[in-house]
Amino acid sequence: MKKFTPVGTFTALITPFNRKGEVDFKALRKLIDFQIENGVDGIVVCATTGESATLSLKEKQAIIVESVEHTNGRVPVIAGTGTNETELSLNMTIFAMEHGADACLLVAPYYNKPNQSGLYEHFRLIATNVDIPLILYNVPGRTGVNISAQTQIRLAQDCPNIVATKEASGNLDQIMKIIQNAPPTFSVLSGDDSLTLPIIALGGKGVVSVISNYAPKKFSDMVRFALQNKIEKARTLHYELLELMELNFIEPNPIPVKYAMSLLGFTKEVYRLPLLPLENEAKKKIKEALRRAKIIS
């Protein structure tokens, strides 16, 4: 198995579409280069920010292959392979493993609302049938189910290739329990940009980030300072970006971040239904905040 302990900033990449609504692979390559040139520690493709819920199986596979090939080992590529079906999640994870991904991100099965035993068995089955590092993804606001601290700790202890969790529950009590009781090699990554600094202060190892799509250097610098215990420097950058972190969720992710990326020229402002473009008032707020943060002129 590849050795991989996720530490730092991992950008949850948007998926750029052309005017016809097709995946724009030229724009994807440009995005990847922008991330690497600005110091992120890895990229995540086909996850929530990448509109995975509306990507076809073939599109996900093509994005994974293109991302691995274009990145060419410059930074780790984490593939979002989790679904609400265990067998499909396993098959997607095998595909990513066989095509060179460095790790896979497995969201909790959504809609089914399994209990904790069902969640444990879902992740355990996948982990025991692949030879690639796995990252749990706990986002109860989207999936309708919370992977409890006890379940995450148990998985970390029982499955050596489950190496991290992306914790987007917003529950700091739960996050602290995981940090305190999971194996020392297990990374807890923030799933919320605005909670990254406090989570690192509590012992977390980094973030899977939305804002680093358009502020990769400033945000990854913030994370790096926090991990180096340079708290004053980290805090300064945190507050410089806080307004944008909040605005990224004035409409469902990735609508705001994709609009910001369109202003930077990286993608078209194209989404797939049921997502729609921002209203003009929201666009104005984001554009003004980007100017205040000196991300656009």
Foldseek 3Di string as FASTA:
>chain_A
DFDDQDFFEEEADAFFADPVRHGDLVLVLVLLVVLLVQDGQYYEYLDVLNVVVPDDPVRLLVSLLSSCVSCVPSHAYEYEQAELDLVSSLVSQQSSVVNHHQEYEYEQRAPVQDDQVVSLVSVVVSLVVDDHAYEYEAACVGRVYGNFLVSVQVCLVPRVSPAEYADAPPDVVRLLSNQVRHPVRHAYAYAQLLCRLVSVVSPHRYYHDHVCSLVVNLSSVLSVCSNVVVPVSNVVSSVLCVQVSVLCVPDPHPQLSVLVVVVVVSHDSDDDPPDDHDDPVSSVSNVVSCVSSVSDD
